Amino acid sequence: MHVLFGAGGNIGLSVGEDAVFVVDDQFAPLTPKIVAAIRTLTDKPVKFVLNTHWHGDHTGGNENLGKAGALIVAQDNVRKRMSTQQFMAAMNLRVEPSPEGALPVVTFNCAVTFHINGDSIVVTHVAPAHTDGDAVVHFVKANVVHMGDAFNNAGFPFVDISSGGVVQGIISAADAVYAMTNASTRIIPGHGDVTDRARLKVWRDAVVAVRDGVQREARAGRTIDQILALKLTAPYDAQWPAGQERFVRAVYEESTRR
């Protein structure tokens, strides 16, 4: 197992006798660098690309790798969102449909297992979390889990409500991965450093604490600006110094939705 870091989401690589299995592929202009990095590890072809969700920093290389012979795989909702115009309200960003060549050609609903490179790679659709198409990838023999953006080890989670994301789903995904792993498991987040289940648990608990605090203040009738002024993330900002306001806003939006 290998991890490539760059301008987009973390890339997971299973490299073995059969082929290369890639998890996420960042942005299209980075494909030559990604392929060059893979070629330092093996001359085997890239056979599969698994997208953990639809966002462009995880799917941008699909078309390039697909043209080179890779089979693009993702959860059903990933193809649905990539094939239609999307609006990410949290970023005030309109995203045009992806070209046909970038779309996943194999999709699944709940789960799919790949048997490759002497490993069983179990891909599971978690409950809507970061988006409604999130997948967690478990390399069973290697004892590695790639969580995509269901886990952001660089900051608080981005719950893309416009893409069907749900705060509780983030917590549930962390709980599910914690339950399937052990102290030796390496966990690849969508962003940030590779880590273990102990740090995942600390992150999960911070998410729960802030979620509970925002919900409590919202029930008390405070506005979003008043809640932001309370700086409920402050005890955790040193460890996860990004995404605080966006996360608080997402929790507030869910809590006050009628």
C-alpha atoms as a PDB file:
ATOM      1  CA  MET A   1       0.000   0.000   0.000  1.00  0.00           C
ATOM      2  CA  HIS A   2       1.114   3.506  -0.824  1.00  0.00           C
ATOM      3  CA  VAL A   3      -0.318   7.012  -0.441  1.00  0.00           C
ATOM      4  CA  LEU A   4       0.238   9.957  -2.765  1.00  0.00           C
ATOM      5  CA  PHE A   5      -0.280  13.455  -1.364  1.00  0.00           C
ATOM      6  CA  GLY A   6      -0.880  16.500  -3.536  1.00  0.00           C
ATOM      7  CA  ALA A   7      -3.202  19.373  -4.339  1.00  0.00           C
ATOM      8  CA  GLY A   8      -6.376  17.297  -3.995  1.00  0.00           C
ATOM      9  CA  GLY A   9      -7.593  14.402  -1.922  1.00  0.00           C
ATOM     10  CA  ASN A  10      -5.173  11.749  -0.731  1.00  0.00           C
ATOM     11  CA  ILE A  11      -4.614   8.954  -3.247  1.00  0.00           C
ATOM     12  CA  GLY A  12      -4.460   5.360  -2.051  1.00  0.00           C
ATOM     13  CA  LEU A  13      -2.593   2.785  -4.138  1.00  0.00           C
ATOM     14  CA  SER A  14      -2.658  -0.988  -4.030  1.00  0.00           C
ATOM     15  CA  VAL A  15       0.328  -2.155  -6.062  1.00  0.00           C
ATOM     16  CA  GLY A  16       0.933  -5.842  -6.706  1.00  0.00           C
ATOM     17  CA  GLU A  17       1.338  -8.649  -9.203  1.00  0.00           C
ATOM     18  CA  ASP A  18      -2.044  -8.100 -10.830  1.00  0.00           C
ATOM     19  CA  ALA A  19      -2.264  -4.370 -11.439  1.00  0.00           C
ATOM     20  CA  VAL A  20      -2.611  -1.000  -9.735  1.00  0.00           C
ATOM     21  CA  PHE A  21      -5.798  -0.178  -7.831  1.00  0.00           C
ATOM     22  CA  VAL A  22      -6.205   3.575  -7.268  1.00  0.00           C
ATOM     23  CA  VAL A  23      -8.450   5.321  -4.744  1.00  0.00           C
ATOM     24  CA  ASP A  24      -9.225   8.880  -5.926  1.00  0.00           C
ATOM     25  CA  ASP A  25      -7.231  10.781  -8.537  1.00  0.00           C
ATOM     26  CA  GLN A  26      -7.119  14.501  -7.642  1.00  0.00           C
ATOM     27  CA  PHE A  27      -7.209  17.022 -10.532  1.00  0.00           C
ATOM     28  CA  ALA A  28      -6.804  16.399 -14.267  1.00  0.00           C
ATOM     29  CA  PRO A  29      -3.613  18.506 -14.708  1.00  0.00           C
ATOM     30  CA  LEU A  30      -1.912  16.344 -12.062  1.00  0.00           C
ATOM     31  CA  THR A  31      -2.426  13.042 -13.897  1.00  0.00           C
ATOM     32  CA  PRO A  32       1.057  13.009 -15.499  1.00  0.00           C
ATOM     33  CA  LYS A  33       2.670  13.497 -12.079  1.00  0.00           C
ATOM     34  CA  ILE A  34       0.445  10.840 -10.536  1.00  0.00           C
ATOM     35  CA  VAL A  35       1.278   8.340 -13.261  1.00  0.00           C
ATOM     36  CA  ALA A  36       4.976   9.192 -12.950  1.00  0.00           C
ATOM     37  CA  ALA A  37       4.807   8.506  -9.210  1.00  0.00           C
ATOM     38  CA  ILE A  38       3.098   5.177  -9.855  1.00  0.00           C
ATOM     39  CA  ARG A  39       5.793   4.267 -12.379  1.00  0.00           C
ATOM     40  CA  THR A  40       8.433   4.618  -9.670  1.00  0.00           C
ATOM     41  CA  LEU A  41       6.636   1.770  -7.880  1.00  0.00           C
ATOM     42  CA  THR A  42       5.602  -0.556 -10.698  1.00  0.00           C
ATOM     43  CA  ASP A  43       5.173  -0.950 -14.437  1.00  0.00           C
ATOM     44  CA  LYS A  44       1.821  -2.685 -13.962  1.00  0.00           C
ATOM     45  CA  PRO A  45      -1.200  -0.938 -15.514  1.00  0.00           C
ATOM     46  CA  VAL A  46      -3.756   1.055 -13.555  1.00  0.00           C
ATOM     47  CA  LYS A  47      -6.719  -1.309 -13.771  1.00  0.00           C
ATOM     48  CA  PHE A  48      -9.242   0.255 -11.396  1.00  0.00           C
ATOM     49  CA  VAL A  49      -9.930   3.753 -10.069  1.00  0.00           C
ATOM     50  CA  LEU A  50     -12.335   3.948  -7.137  1.00  0.00           C
ATOM     51  CA  ASN A  51     -13.869   7.349  -6.362  1.00  0.00           C
ATOM     52  CA  THR A  52     -14.774   7.870  -2.689  1.00  0.00           C
ATOM     53  CA  HIS A  53     -17.258  10.610  -3.688  1.00  0.00           C
ATOM     54  CA  TRP A  54     -18.008  12.980  -6.562  1.00  0.00           C
ATOM     55  CA  HIS A  55     -16.007  16.142  -5.736  1.00  0.00           C
ATOM     56  CA  GLY A  56     -13.528  17.273  -8.360  1.00  0.00           C
ATOM     57  CA  ASP A  57     -10.450  17.088  -6.139  1.00  0.00           C
ATOM     58  CA  HIS A  58     -11.066  13.333  -5.945  1.00  0.00           C
ATOM     59  CA  THR A  59     -12.390  12.626  -9.458  1.00  0.00           C
ATOM     60  CA  GLY A  60     -10.558  15.136 -11.651  1.00  0.00           C
ATOM     61  CA  GLY A  61      -8.205  12.542 -13.126  1.00  0.00           C
ATOM     62  CA  ASN A  62     -10.960  10.105 -14.093  1.00  0.00           C
ATOM     63  CA  GLU A  63     -11.110  10.965 -17.773  1.00  0.00           C
ATOM     64  CA  ASN A  64      -7.340  10.800 -18.231  1.00  0.00           C
ATOM     65  CA  LEU A  65      -6.963   7.487 -16.417  1.00  0.00           C
ATOM     66  CA  GLY A  66     -10.053   6.082 -18.109  1.00  0.00           C
ATOM     67  CA  LYS A  67      -8.609   6.875 -21.531  1.00  0.00           C
ATOM     68  CA  ALA A  68      -5.449   5.071 -20.459  1.00  0.00           C
ATOM     69  CA  GLY A  69      -7.452   1.918 -19.758  1.00  0.00           C
ATOM     70  CA  ALA A  70      -8.580   2.152 -16.135  1.00  0.00           C
ATOM     71  CA  LEU A  71     -12.100   1.168 -15.121  1.00  0.00           C
ATOM     72  CA  ILE A  72     -13.734   3.916 -13.049  1.00  0.00           C
ATOM     73  CA  VAL A  73     -15.878   2.657 -10.158  1.00  0.00           C
ATOM     74  CA  ALA A  74     -18.026   4.556  -7.642  1.00  0.00           C
ATOM     75  CA  GLN A  75     -21.242   4.485  -5.660  1.00  0.00           C
ATOM     76  CA  ASP A  76     -24.419   5.103  -7.677  1.00  0.00           C
ATOM     77  CA  ASN A  77     -24.886   8.672  -6.438  1.00  0.00           C
ATOM     78  CA  VAL A  78     -21.400   9.654  -7.579  1.00  0.00           C
ATOM     79  CA  ARG A  79     -22.286   9.042 -11.216  1.00  0.00           C
ATOM     80  CA  LYS A  80     -25.652  10.774 -10.768  1.00  0.00           C
ATOM     81  CA  ARG A  81     -24.038  13.915  -9.382  1.00  0.00           C
ATOM     82  CA  MET A  82     -21.132  13.965 -11.817  1.00  0.00           C
ATOM     83  CA  SER A  83     -23.497  13.655 -14.774  1.00  0.00           C
ATOM     84  CA  THR A  84     -25.668  16.630 -13.780  1.00  0.00           C
ATOM     85  CA  GLN A  85     -25.033  20.242 -12.815  1.00  0.00           C
ATOM     86  CA  GLN A  86     -24.434  20.650  -9.085  1.00  0.00           C
ATOM     87  CA  PHE A  87     -24.503  23.664  -6.786  1.00  0.00           C
ATOM     88  CA  MET A  88     -22.393  23.530  -3.628  1.00  0.00           C
ATOM     89  CA  ALA A  89     -24.112  26.151  -1.485  1.00  0.00           C
ATOM     90  CA  ALA A  90     -21.455  26.151   1.239  1.00  0.00           C
ATOM     91  CA  MET A  91     -18.911  27.324  -1.327  1.00  0.00           C
ATOM     92  CA  ASN A  92     -21.326  29.250  -3.580  1.00  0.00           C
ATOM     93  CA  LEU A  93     -19.956  27.092  -6.378  1.00  0.00           C
ATOM     94  CA  ARG A  94     -21.779  25.818  -9.447  1.00  0.00           C
ATOM     95  CA  VAL A  95     -20.229  22.695 -10.951  1.00  0.00           C
ATOM     96  CA  GLU A  96     -20.995  21.740 -14.540  1.00  0.00           C
ATOM     97  CA  PRO A  97     -21.558  18.101 -15.510  1.00  0.00           C
ATOM     98  CA  SER A  98     -18.404  16.071 -16.031  1.00  0.00           C
ATOM     99  CA  PRO A  99     -17.587  14.839 -19.537  1.00  0.00           C
ATOM    100  CA  GLU A 100     -18.831  11.360 -20.373  1.00  0.00           C
ATOM    101  CA  GLY A 101     -15.319   9.959 -20.241  1.00  0.00           C
ATOM    102  CA  ALA A 102     -14.930  11.022 -16.608  1.00  0.00           C
ATOM    103  CA  LEU A 103     -18.035   9.243 -15.343  1.00  0.00           C
ATOM    104  CA  PRO A 104     -17.817   5.969 -13.432  1.00  0.00           C
ATOM    105  CA  VAL A 105     -18.595   3.077 -15.771  1.00  0.00           C
ATOM    106  CA  VAL A 106     -19.280   0.647 -12.925  1.00  0.00           C
ATOM    107  CA  THR A 107     -21.448   1.738  -9.996  1.00  0.00           C
ATOM    108  CA  PHE A 108     -22.735  -0.042  -6.918  1.00  0.00           C
ATOM    109  CA  ASN A 109     -25.404   0.590  -4.317  1.00  0.00           C
ATOM    110  CA  CYS A 110     -24.306  -0.824  -0.960  1.00  0.00           C
ATOM    111  CA  ALA A 111     -20.959  -2.577  -1.379  1.00  0.00           C
ATOM    112  CA  VAL A 112     -18.555  -4.226  -3.791  1.00  0.00           C
ATOM    113  CA  THR A 113     -15.441  -6.338  -3.244  1.00  0.00           C
ATOM    114  CA  PHE A 114     -12.354  -6.486  -5.458  1.00  0.00           C
ATOM    115  CA  HIS A 115     -10.022  -9.474  -5.293  1.00  0.00           C
ATOM    116  CA  ILE A 116      -6.707  -8.169  -6.575  1.00  0.00           C
ATOM    117  CA  ASN A 117      -3.039  -8.111  -5.628  1.00  0.00           C
ATOM    118  CA  GLY A 118      -3.564 -10.889  -3.106  1.00  0.00           C
ATOM    119  CA  ASP A 119      -5.974  -8.753  -1.088  1.00  0.00           C
ATOM    120  CA  SER A 120      -9.713  -8.354  -0.671  1.00  0.00           C
ATOM    121  CA  ILE A 121     -10.669  -4.720  -1.132  1.00  0.00           C
ATOM    122  CA  VAL A 122     -14.093  -4.157   0.401  1.00  0.00           C
ATOM    123  CA  VAL A 123     -15.797  -0.927  -0.660  1.00  0.00           C
ATOM    124  CA  THR A 124     -18.814   0.097   1.408  1.00  0.00           C
ATOM    125  CA  HIS A 125     -21.310   2.897   0.909  1.00  0.00           C
ATOM    126  CA  VAL A 126     -21.665   4.604   4.274  1.00  0.00           C
ATOM    127  CA  ALA A 127     -24.783   6.509   5.283  1.00  0.00           C
ATOM    128  CA  PRO A 128     -24.828  10.042   3.813  1.00  0.00           C
ATOM    129  CA  ALA A 129     -21.933  11.822   5.510  1.00  0.00           C
ATOM    130  CA  HIS A 130     -19.664  14.163   3.527  1.00  0.00           C
ATOM    131  CA  THR A 131     -22.023  13.588   0.568  1.00  0.00           C
ATOM    132  CA  ASP A 132     -24.696  11.012  -0.292  1.00  0.00           C
ATOM    133  CA  GLY A 133     -22.225   8.930  -2.292  1.00  0.00           C
ATOM    134  CA  ASP A 134     -19.410   8.350   0.189  1.00  0.00           C
ATOM    135  CA  ALA A 135     -17.473   5.091   0.083  1.00  0.00           C
ATOM    136  CA  VAL A 136     -15.038   3.657   2.620  1.00  0.00           C
ATOM    137  CA  VAL A 137     -12.370   1.356   1.184  1.00  0.00           C
ATOM    138  CA  HIS A 138     -11.028  -1.469   3.360  1.00  0.00           C
ATOM    139  CA  PHE A 139      -7.872  -3.241   2.217  1.00  0.00           C
ATOM    140  CA  VAL A 140      -8.391  -6.282   4.414  1.00  0.00           C
ATOM    141  CA  LYS A 141      -5.034  -8.056   4.220  1.00  0.00           C
ATOM    142  CA  ALA A 142      -3.036  -4.830   4.188  1.00  0.00           C
ATOM    143  CA  ASN A 143      -5.053  -3.621   7.210  1.00  0.00           C
ATOM    144  CA  VAL A 144      -5.596  -0.194   5.676  1.00  0.00           C
ATOM    145  CA  VAL A 145      -8.793   1.850   5.367  1.00  0.00           C
ATOM    146  CA  HIS A 146      -9.251   4.817   3.021  1.00  0.00           C
ATOM    147  CA  MET A 147     -12.119   6.971   4.291  1.00  0.00           C
ATOM    148  CA  GLY A 148     -12.225   9.693   1.666  1.00  0.00           C
ATOM    149  CA  ASP A 149     -13.673  12.928   2.996  1.00  0.00           C
ATOM    150  CA  ALA A 150     -15.788  11.114   5.570  1.00  0.00           C
ATOM    151  CA  PHE A 151     -12.641  11.772   7.627  1.00  0.00           C
ATOM    152  CA  ASN A 152     -10.668  15.012   7.331  1.00  0.00           C
ATOM    153  CA  ASN A 153      -7.525  14.713   9.441  1.00  0.00           C
ATOM    154  CA  ALA A 154      -6.599  18.302   8.589  1.00  0.00           C
ATOM    155  CA  GLY A 155      -9.643  19.940  10.138  1.00  0.00           C
ATOM    156  CA  PHE A 156     -13.325  19.704  10.893  1.00  0.00           C
ATOM    157  CA  PRO A 157     -15.457  17.813   8.371  1.00  0.00           C
ATOM    158  CA  PHE A 158     -17.009  19.459   5.355  1.00  0.00           C
ATOM    159  CA  VAL A 159     -20.627  18.337   5.374  1.00  0.00           C
ATOM    160  CA  ASP A 160     -21.789  19.117   1.847  1.00  0.00           C
ATOM    161  CA  ILE A 161     -25.487  19.439   2.580  1.00  0.00           C
ATOM    162  CA  SER A 162     -26.181  20.400  -1.041  1.00  0.00           C
ATOM    163  CA  SER A 163     -24.796  16.987  -2.048  1.00  0.00           C
ATOM    164  CA  GLY A 164     -26.843  15.084   0.508  1.00  0.00           C
ATOM    165  CA  GLY A 165     -24.272  15.232   3.293  1.00  0.00           C
ATOM    166  CA  VAL A 166     -25.446  14.726   6.884  1.00  0.00           C
ATOM    167  CA  VAL A 167     -23.586  15.549  10.098  1.00  0.00           C
ATOM    168  CA  GLN A 168     -24.688  12.363  11.872  1.00  0.00           C
ATOM    169  CA  GLY A 169     -23.381  10.373   8.907  1.00  0.00           C
ATOM    170  CA  ILE A 170     -19.877  11.692   9.560  1.00  0.00           C
ATOM    171  CA  ILE A 171     -20.090  10.409  13.122  1.00  0.00           C
ATOM    172  CA  SER A 172     -21.591   7.086  12.049  1.00  0.00           C
ATOM    173  CA  ALA A 173     -18.851   6.565   9.454  1.00  0.00           C
ATOM    174  CA  ALA A 174     -16.170   7.152  12.083  1.00  0.00           C
ATOM    175  CA  ASP A 175     -17.903   4.703  14.410  1.00  0.00           C
ATOM    176  CA  ALA A 176     -18.150   2.073  11.672  1.00  0.00           C
ATOM    177  CA  VAL A 177     -14.487   2.355  10.723  1.00  0.00           C
ATOM    178  CA  TYR A 178     -13.401   2.295  14.348  1.00  0.00           C
ATOM    179  CA  ALA A 179     -15.361  -0.935  14.797  1.00  0.00           C
ATOM    180  CA  MET A 180     -13.779  -2.636  11.775  1.00  0.00           C
ATOM    181  CA  THR A 181     -10.180  -1.712  12.634  1.00  0.00           C
ATOM    182  CA  ASN A 182      -7.573  -2.398  15.301  1.00  0.00           C
ATOM    183  CA  ALA A 183      -4.625  -0.573  16.828  1.00  0.00           C
ATOM    184  CA  SER A 184      -2.385  -1.531  13.896  1.00  0.00           C
ATOM    185  CA  THR A 185      -4.724  -0.337  11.151  1.00  0.00           C
ATOM    186  CA  ARG A 186      -3.532   2.585   9.064  1.00  0.00           C
ATOM    187  CA  ILE A 187      -6.300   5.011   8.167  1.00  0.00           C
ATOM    188  CA  ILE A 188      -6.027   7.233   5.105  1.00  0.00           C
ATOM    189  CA  PRO A 189      -8.191  10.367   5.422  1.00  0.00           C
ATOM    190  CA  GLY A 190      -9.448  12.367   2.476  1.00  0.00           C
ATOM    191  CA  HIS A 191      -7.101  15.158   3.564  1.00  0.00           C
ATOM    192  CA  GLY A 192      -4.331  15.283   6.129  1.00  0.00           C
ATOM    193  CA  ASP A 193      -1.830  12.738   7.365  1.00  0.00           C
ATOM    194  CA  VAL A 194      -2.286   8.987   7.482  1.00  0.00           C
ATOM    195  CA  THR A 195      -3.171   8.015  11.029  1.00  0.00           C
ATOM    196  CA  ASP A 196      -4.750   5.352  13.234  1.00  0.00           C
ATOM    197  CA  ARG A 197      -8.066   4.604  14.908  1.00  0.00           C
ATOM    198  CA  ALA A 198      -7.039   6.365  18.120  1.00  0.00           C
ATOM    199  CA  ARG A 199      -6.801   9.736  16.371  1.00  0.00           C
ATOM    200  CA  LEU A 200      -9.964   8.987  14.400  1.00  0.00           C
ATOM    201  CA  LYS A 201     -11.744   8.502  17.727  1.00  0.00           C
ATOM    202  CA  VAL A 202     -10.417  11.795  19.115  1.00  0.00           C
ATOM    203  CA  TRP A 203     -11.558  13.582  15.934  1.00  0.00           C
ATOM    204  CA  ARG A 204     -14.955  11.907  16.098  1.00  0.00           C
ATOM    205  CA  ASP A 205     -15.400  12.968  19.725  1.00  0.00           C
ATOM    206  CA  ALA A 206     -14.498  16.563  18.856  1.00  0.00           C
ATOM    207  CA  VAL A 207     -17.071  16.528  16.062  1.00  0.00           C
ATOM    208  CA  VAL A 208     -19.718  15.217  18.463  1.00  0.00           C
ATOM    209  CA  ALA A 209     -18.868  17.795  21.133  1.00  0.00           C
ATOM    210  CA  VAL A 210     -19.132  20.713  18.718  1.00  0.00           C
ATOM    211  CA  ARG A 211     -22.273  19.275  17.116  1.00  0.00           C
ATOM    212  CA  ASP A 212     -23.928  18.951  20.517  1.00  0.00           C
ATOM    213  CA  GLY A 213     -22.904  22.478  21.492  1.00  0.00           C
ATOM    214  CA  VAL A 214     -24.278  24.043  18.322  1.00  0.00           C
ATOM    215  CA  GLN A 215     -27.539  22.125  18.644  1.00  0.00           C
ATOM    216  CA  ARG A 216     -27.893  23.219  22.266  1.00  0.00           C
ATOM    217  CA  GLU A 217     -27.376  26.879  21.402  1.00  0.00           C
ATOM    218  CA  ALA A 218     -29.707  26.660  18.413  1.00  0.00           C
ATOM    219  CA  ARG A 219     -32.450  25.213  20.618  1.00  0.00           C
ATOM    220  CA  ALA A 220     -31.895  28.145  22.981  1.00  0.00           C
ATOM    221  CA  GLY A 221     -32.770  30.467  20.109  1.00  0.00           C
ATOM    222  CA  ARG A 222     -29.336  31.875  19.322  1.00  0.00           C
ATOM    223  CA  THR A 223     -28.584  32.980  15.778  1.00  0.00           C
ATOM    224  CA  ILE A 224     -25.752  31.554  13.725  1.00  0.00           C
ATOM    225  CA  ASP A 225     -23.680  34.700  14.260  1.00  0.00           C
ATOM    226  CA  GLN A 226     -24.159  34.462  18.015  1.00  0.00           C
ATOM    227  CA  ILE A 227     -23.133  30.802  17.967  1.00  0.00           C
ATOM    228  CA  LEU A 228     -20.053  31.499  15.865  1.00  0.00           C
ATOM    229  CA  ALA A 229     -19.055  34.167  18.382  1.00  0.00           C
ATOM    230  CA  LEU A 230     -19.019  31.499  21.113  1.00  0.00           C
ATOM    231  CA  LYS A 231     -16.101  29.765  19.342  1.00  0.00           C
ATOM    232  CA  LEU A 232     -17.283  26.297  20.302  1.00  0.00           C
ATOM    233  CA  THR A 233     -14.457  24.709  18.309  1.00  0.00           C
ATOM    234  CA  ALA A 234     -11.735  26.535  20.275  1.00  0.00           C
ATOM    235  CA  PRO A 235     -10.713  23.548  22.455  1.00  0.00           C
ATOM    236  CA  TYR A 236      -9.977  21.578  19.282  1.00  0.00           C
ATOM    237  CA  ASP A 237      -8.595  24.210  16.916  1.00  0.00           C
ATOM    238  CA  ALA A 238      -4.956  23.411  17.638  1.00  0.00           C
ATOM    239  CA  GLN A 239      -5.409  19.838  16.426  1.00  0.00           C
ATOM    240  CA  TRP A 240      -7.830  20.575  13.576  1.00  0.00           C
ATOM    241  CA  PRO A 241      -7.247  24.161  12.488  1.00  0.00           C
ATOM    242  CA  ALA A 242      -9.462  24.258   9.396  1.00  0.00           C
ATOM    243  CA  GLY A 243     -13.136  24.141   8.485  1.00  0.00           C
ATOM    244  CA  GLN A 244     -14.481  25.286  11.843  1.00  0.00           C
ATOM    245  CA  GLU A 245     -16.955  27.924  10.671  1.00  0.00           C
ATOM    246  CA  ARG A 246     -18.218  25.835   7.764  1.00  0.00           C
ATOM    247  CA  PHE A 247     -18.868  22.894  10.075  1.00  0.00           C
ATOM    248  CA  VAL A 248     -20.695  25.026  12.646  1.00  0.00           C
ATOM    249  CA  ARG A 249     -22.847  26.490   9.876  1.00  0.00           C
ATOM    250  CA  ALA A 250     -23.699  23.009   8.601  1.00  0.00           C
ATOM    251  CA  VAL A 251     -24.773  21.842  12.045  1.00  0.00           C
ATOM    252  CA  TYR A 252     -26.846  24.993  12.521  1.00  0.00           C
ATOM    253  CA  GLU A 253     -28.508  24.574   9.133  1.00  0.00           C
ATOM    254  CA  GLU A 254     -29.490  21.013   9.962  1.00  0.00           C
ATOM    255  CA  SER A 255     -30.636  21.958  13.454  1.00  0.00           C
ATOM    256  CA  THR A 256     -32.916  24.763  12.297  1.00  0.00           C
ATOM    257  CA  ARG A 257     -34.287  23.123   9.165  1.00  0.00           C
ATOM    258  CA  ARG A 258     -38.088  23.033   9.200  1.00  0.00           C
END
